[in-house]
Amino acid sequence: MADRYLTVSQVAELLGTTERFPRPLIAERRIVFVKVGRHVRIPESALNTFIDAHTVQPIGHRRSSLRRAA
């Protein structure tokens, strides 16, 4: 299946941010992008990879060594 190429505004919308968030990611080359002339497109798979790499997993329940005072 072919990858869908997203504009900066589409990426921002999917992330729930403004366009000011993805632009530095592109400028600092922290996300994969494609140049089409002077336009920038981000493959949907690259966005998913970026999200996966920056997803923080919850910490499992840890037992406290301190007991609660009654």
N, C-alpha and C. Protein backbone atom coordinates (compact mmCIF):
# COMPACT_ATOMS: atom_id res chain seq x y z
N MET A 1 0.85 -1.18 0.00
CA MET A 1 0.00 0.00 0.00
C MET A 1 0.89 1.25 0.00
N ALA A 2 0.54 2.23 -0.77
CA ALA A 2 1.33 3.46 -0.90
C ALA A 2 1.19 4.31 0.36
N ASP A 3 2.29 4.96 0.71
CA ASP A 3 2.30 5.85 1.85
C ASP A 3 1.62 7.16 1.49
N ARG A 4 0.90 7.73 2.43
CA ARG A 4 0.25 9.02 2.22
C ARG A 4 1.22 10.12 2.67
N TYR A 5 1.36 11.16 1.88
CA TYR A 5 2.25 12.26 2.20
C TYR A 5 1.44 13.43 2.75
N LEU A 6 1.83 13.89 3.93
CA LEU A 6 1.07 14.91 4.64
C LEU A 6 1.75 16.26 4.59
N THR A 7 0.95 17.31 4.55
CA THR A 7 1.49 18.66 4.64
C THR A 7 1.81 18.97 6.09
N VAL A 8 2.52 20.06 6.31
CA VAL A 8 2.85 20.47 7.68
C VAL A 8 1.56 20.74 8.47
N SER A 9 0.60 21.37 7.84
CA SER A 9 -0.66 21.65 8.55
C SER A 9 -1.43 20.38 8.87
N GLN A 10 -1.38 19.37 8.01
CA GLN A 10 -2.04 18.09 8.29
C GLN A 10 -1.35 17.39 9.45
N VAL A 11 -0.02 17.44 9.50
CA VAL A 11 0.73 16.83 10.60
C VAL A 11 0.37 17.52 11.91
N ALA A 12 0.34 18.84 11.88
CA ALA A 12 -0.01 19.60 13.08
C ALA A 12 -1.42 19.25 13.56
N GLU A 13 -2.34 19.11 12.63
CA GLU A 13 -3.71 18.76 12.99
C GLU A 13 -3.77 17.37 13.62
N LEU A 14 -3.06 16.41 13.03
CA LEU A 14 -3.05 15.05 13.58
C LEU A 14 -2.44 15.00 14.97
N LEU A 15 -1.42 15.84 15.21
CA LEU A 15 -0.76 15.87 16.52
C LEU A 15 -1.50 16.75 17.51
N GLY A 16 -2.46 17.52 17.03
CA GLY A 16 -3.20 18.42 17.92
C GLY A 16 -2.38 19.63 18.33
N THR A 17 -1.51 20.10 17.43
CA THR A 17 -0.66 21.24 17.71
C THR A 17 -0.83 22.28 16.61
N THR A 18 -0.08 23.36 16.73
CA THR A 18 -0.04 24.34 15.65
C THR A 18 1.07 23.94 14.69
N GLU A 19 1.18 24.66 13.58
CA GLU A 19 2.24 24.38 12.61
C GLU A 19 3.62 24.73 13.16
N ARG A 20 3.67 25.46 14.24
CA ARG A 20 4.97 25.82 14.83
C ARG A 20 5.67 24.63 15.47
N PHE A 21 4.94 23.55 15.76
CA PHE A 21 5.58 22.37 16.34
C PHE A 21 6.31 21.52 15.30
N PRO A 22 5.69 21.13 14.19
CA PRO A 22 6.42 20.27 13.23
C PRO A 22 7.52 20.98 12.46
N ARG A 23 7.44 22.28 12.30
CA ARG A 23 8.45 22.98 11.50
C ARG A 23 9.88 22.82 12.05
N PRO A 24 10.12 22.99 13.36
CA PRO A 24 11.48 22.75 13.87
C PRO A 24 11.91 21.28 13.74
N LEU A 25 10.96 20.35 13.83
CA LEU A 25 11.30 18.94 13.64
C LEU A 25 11.88 18.74 12.25
N ILE A 26 11.31 19.42 11.27
CA ILE A 26 11.79 19.33 9.90
C ILE A 26 13.13 20.05 9.77
N ALA A 27 13.21 21.26 10.30
CA ALA A 27 14.44 22.06 10.17
C ALA A 27 15.63 21.38 10.84
N GLU A 28 15.38 20.72 11.99
CA GLU A 28 16.44 20.04 12.73
C GLU A 28 16.62 18.60 12.27
N ARG A 29 15.85 18.20 11.25
CA ARG A 29 15.90 16.84 10.69
C ARG A 29 15.66 15.77 11.74
N ARG A 30 14.68 16.02 12.59
CA ARG A 30 14.32 15.05 13.63
C ARG A 30 13.17 14.15 13.19
N ILE A 31 12.65 14.42 11.98
CA ILE A 31 11.60 13.58 11.40
C ILE A 31 11.90 13.45 9.90
N VAL A 32 11.55 12.33 9.34
CA VAL A 32 11.77 12.09 7.91
C VAL A 32 10.80 12.95 7.12
N PHE A 33 11.30 13.58 6.06
CA PHE A 33 10.44 14.38 5.20
C PHE A 33 10.90 14.28 3.76
N VAL A 34 10.03 14.69 2.84
CA VAL A 34 10.31 14.65 1.41
C VAL A 34 10.15 16.07 0.88
N LYS A 35 11.13 16.52 0.10
CA LYS A 35 11.03 17.82 -0.55
C LYS A 35 10.46 17.61 -1.94
N VAL A 36 9.38 18.32 -2.23
CA VAL A 36 8.77 18.31 -3.55
C VAL A 36 8.85 19.75 -4.03
N GLY A 37 9.92 20.04 -4.79
CA GLY A 37 10.18 21.43 -5.13
C GLY A 37 10.52 22.18 -3.86
N ARG A 38 9.77 23.22 -3.57
CA ARG A 38 10.01 23.94 -2.31
C ARG A 38 9.02 23.53 -1.22
N HIS A 39 8.16 22.56 -1.55
CA HIS A 39 7.17 22.07 -0.59
C HIS A 39 7.76 20.91 0.22
N VAL A 40 7.28 20.78 1.44
CA VAL A 40 7.73 19.71 2.33
C VAL A 40 6.54 18.79 2.61
N ARG A 41 6.76 17.50 2.49
CA ARG A 41 5.73 16.52 2.81
C ARG A 41 6.34 15.48 3.76
N ILE A 42 5.52 15.04 4.68
CA ILE A 42 5.96 14.05 5.67
C ILE A 42 5.17 12.77 5.43
N PRO A 43 5.88 11.66 5.17
CA PRO A 43 5.17 10.39 4.97
C PRO A 43 4.42 10.01 6.26
N GLU A 44 3.23 9.49 6.11
CA GLU A 44 2.43 9.10 7.27
C GLU A 44 3.17 8.06 8.11
N SER A 45 3.91 7.17 7.47
CA SER A 45 4.68 6.16 8.22
C SER A 45 5.77 6.82 9.05
N ALA A 46 6.37 7.91 8.55
CA ALA A 46 7.40 8.62 9.32
C ALA A 46 6.79 9.28 10.54
N LEU A 47 5.58 9.82 10.40
CA LEU A 47 4.90 10.42 11.54
C LEU A 47 4.58 9.36 12.59
N ASN A 48 4.11 8.20 12.13
CA ASN A 48 3.82 7.10 13.07
C ASN A 48 5.08 6.63 13.78
N THR A 49 6.19 6.56 13.06
CA THR A 49 7.47 6.17 13.66
C THR A 49 7.91 7.19 14.70
N PHE A 50 7.76 8.47 14.37
CA PHE A 50 8.11 9.54 15.31
C PHE A 50 7.27 9.45 16.58
N ILE A 51 5.97 9.23 16.42
CA ILE A 51 5.08 9.11 17.57
C ILE A 51 5.46 7.90 18.41
N ASP A 52 5.72 6.77 17.78
CA ASP A 52 6.11 5.56 18.51
C ASP A 52 7.41 5.77 19.29
N ALA A 53 8.36 6.46 18.68
CA ALA A 53 9.66 6.67 19.32
C ALA A 53 9.56 7.62 20.52
N HIS A 54 8.54 8.47 20.53
CA HIS A 54 8.40 9.44 21.61
C HIS A 54 7.25 9.14 22.55
N THR A 55 6.71 7.93 22.45
CA THR A 55 5.63 7.53 23.35
C THR A 55 6.24 7.01 24.64
N VAL A 56 5.78 7.55 25.75
CA VAL A 56 6.28 7.16 27.07
C VAL A 56 5.31 6.14 27.66
N GLN A 57 5.84 4.98 27.99
CA GLN A 57 5.03 3.92 28.56
C GLN A 57 4.85 4.15 30.06
N PRO A 58 3.70 3.80 30.61
CA PRO A 58 3.48 3.99 32.05
C PRO A 58 4.34 3.02 32.86
N ILE A 59 4.66 3.45 34.04
CA ILE A 59 5.41 2.61 34.97
C ILE A 59 4.42 1.69 35.65
N GLY A 60 4.78 0.43 35.78
CA GLY A 60 3.91 -0.52 36.45
C GLY A 60 3.76 -0.17 37.93
N HIS A 61 2.78 -0.72 38.55
CA HIS A 61 2.53 -0.45 39.97
C HIS A 61 3.73 -0.89 40.80
N ARG A 62 4.27 0.03 41.56
CA ARG A 62 5.42 -0.30 42.42
C ARG A 62 4.95 -0.33 43.86
N ARG A 63 5.40 -1.32 44.56
CA ARG A 63 5.07 -1.41 45.98
C ARG A 63 5.98 -0.49 46.75
N SER A 64 5.41 0.26 47.60
CA SER A 64 6.17 1.20 48.40
C SER A 64 6.77 0.47 49.60
N SER A 65 8.01 0.83 49.92
CA SER A 65 8.63 0.21 51.09
C SER A 65 8.19 0.91 52.37
N LEU A 66 7.56 2.04 52.22
CA LEU A 66 7.05 2.77 53.40
C LEU A 66 5.60 2.42 53.60
N ARG A 67 5.24 2.23 54.83
CA ARG A 67 3.84 1.90 55.13
C ARG A 67 3.11 3.17 55.55
N ARG A 68 1.87 3.18 55.29
CA ARG A 68 1.06 4.34 55.67
C ARG A 68 0.80 4.35 57.17
N ALA A 69 0.80 5.54 57.69
CA ALA A 69 0.45 5.68 59.11
C ALA A 69 -1.07 5.63 59.24
N ALA A 70 -1.55 4.96 60.26
CA ALA A 70 -3.00 4.81 60.45
C ALA A 70 -3.61 6.03 61.06
